[in-house]
Amino acid sequence: MALSHSVPLKAIFFLEQSDVDEVVPIKNPQRSQKVFDSFKQVWESFWPKIEVDDKKRMVHKIFNNAFDIAVKVPCYKLKATLHGEFWKEIEKVI
C-alpha cells in the first residue's frame, strides 16, 4: 500500500508515564536531541550492518534532519496517566 497524500505535522509528543496528564514544552537543544534519539531507535537494529564510513555520513545527515525538524515543529513531553484524558492536553497546544 502506497501513501497518496500527506498531512502537516503540527507537533511531536514524547510520551512519559506520569501521575498527572500534562503537556510540557521542550526547548532546543533538548528538542533536537530528543528527535535525534527517536530516529536512532528506528534504525538501531540496522546499525551493526552498516560500514563505518557510511555510518559517519548517515549520522551527520540524520542529525541535520533531526535539527531541521526540531526547529520547525514544536515538541512536547506528554505526561500521561494510565486512565486520564491526555488527549485534552494535546488539544490545548495544537
Protein backbone atom coordinates (compact mmCIF):
# COMPACT_ATOMS: atom_id res chain seq x y z
CA MET A 1 0.00 0.00 0.00
CA ALA A 2 1.46 3.35 -1.04
CA LEU A 3 0.69 6.66 0.56
CA SER A 4 -1.13 9.00 -1.77
CA HIS A 5 -1.23 12.13 0.39
CA SER A 6 0.41 13.80 3.33
CA VAL A 7 -0.77 15.80 6.29
CA PRO A 8 1.06 18.62 8.05
CA LEU A 9 2.94 17.71 11.21
CA LYS A 10 1.67 20.07 13.90
CA ALA A 11 3.71 18.79 16.84
CA ILE A 12 5.79 15.93 18.20
CA PHE A 13 4.96 14.43 21.58
CA PHE A 14 7.33 12.30 23.63
CA LEU A 15 5.29 10.06 25.88
CA GLU A 16 6.09 9.73 29.58
CA GLN A 17 4.02 7.88 32.17
CA SER A 18 3.02 10.21 34.98
CA ASP A 19 0.64 10.76 37.89
CA VAL A 20 -0.91 13.75 36.06
CA ASP A 21 -1.89 14.47 32.45
CA GLU A 22 0.05 17.45 31.16
CA VAL A 23 1.99 18.75 28.20
CA VAL A 24 5.38 20.36 28.81
CA PRO A 25 7.16 22.26 26.01
CA ILE A 26 10.67 21.07 25.17
CA LYS A 27 13.18 23.77 24.28
CA ASN A 28 16.13 23.50 21.92
CA PRO A 29 18.77 21.98 22.11
CA GLN A 30 16.94 19.28 24.10
CA ARG A 31 14.33 19.14 21.34
CA SER A 32 16.91 18.37 18.64
CA GLN A 33 18.49 15.68 20.80
CA LYS A 34 15.13 14.01 21.56
CA VAL A 35 14.19 13.90 17.86
CA PHE A 36 17.64 12.53 17.01
CA ASP A 37 17.34 9.87 19.74
CA SER A 38 13.96 8.83 18.32
CA PHE A 39 15.50 8.47 14.87
CA LYS A 40 18.25 6.32 16.40
CA GLN A 41 15.68 3.96 17.91
CA VAL A 42 14.22 3.35 14.46
CA TRP A 43 17.49 2.43 12.74
CA GLU A 44 19.25 0.83 15.74
CA SER A 45 18.67 -2.75 14.57
CA PHE A 46 20.19 -1.97 11.14
CA TRP A 47 23.19 -0.08 12.51
CA PRO A 48 25.55 -3.09 13.01
CA LYS A 49 25.20 -4.00 9.31
CA ILE A 50 26.40 -0.60 8.04
CA GLU A 51 30.03 0.15 7.14
CA VAL A 52 31.92 2.60 9.37
CA ASP A 53 32.34 5.27 6.67
CA ASP A 54 28.66 5.06 5.80
CA LYS A 55 27.75 5.39 9.48
CA LYS A 56 29.68 8.65 9.75
CA ARG A 57 27.86 10.13 6.77
CA MET A 58 24.49 8.86 7.95
CA VAL A 59 24.85 10.18 11.49
CA HIS A 60 25.64 13.62 10.12
CA LYS A 61 22.62 13.57 7.78
CA ILE A 62 20.29 12.15 10.42
CA PHE A 63 21.35 14.74 13.00
CA ASN A 64 20.85 17.56 10.48
CA ASN A 65 17.38 16.23 9.65
CA ALA A 66 16.52 15.96 13.34
CA PHE A 67 17.71 19.52 13.89
CA ASP A 68 15.67 20.83 10.93
CA ILE A 69 12.55 19.08 12.18
CA ALA A 70 13.05 20.25 15.76
CA VAL A 71 13.44 23.87 14.61
CA LYS A 72 10.25 23.77 12.52
CA VAL A 73 7.95 21.55 14.59
CA PRO A 74 7.01 22.20 18.23
CA CYS A 75 7.99 19.36 20.57
CA TYR A 76 6.42 18.48 23.88
CA LYS A 77 6.76 15.99 26.68
CA LEU A 78 3.35 14.34 27.03
CA LYS A 79 2.94 13.26 30.62
CA ALA A 80 0.07 10.80 30.69
CA THR A 81 -1.70 8.80 33.33
CA LEU A 82 -2.97 5.29 32.67
CA HIS A 83 -6.62 6.27 32.95
CA GLY A 84 -6.62 10.02 32.31
CA GLU A 85 -7.61 12.17 29.37
CA PHE A 86 -4.22 13.09 27.90
CA TRP A 87 -5.76 13.99 24.52
CA LYS A 88 -7.32 17.06 26.12
CA GLU A 89 -3.84 18.28 26.99
CA ILE A 90 -2.72 17.69 23.39
CA GLU A 91 -5.71 19.65 22.06
CA LYS A 92 -4.68 22.65 24.17
CA VAL A 93 -1.38 23.04 22.30
CA ILE A 94 -2.25 22.10 18.74
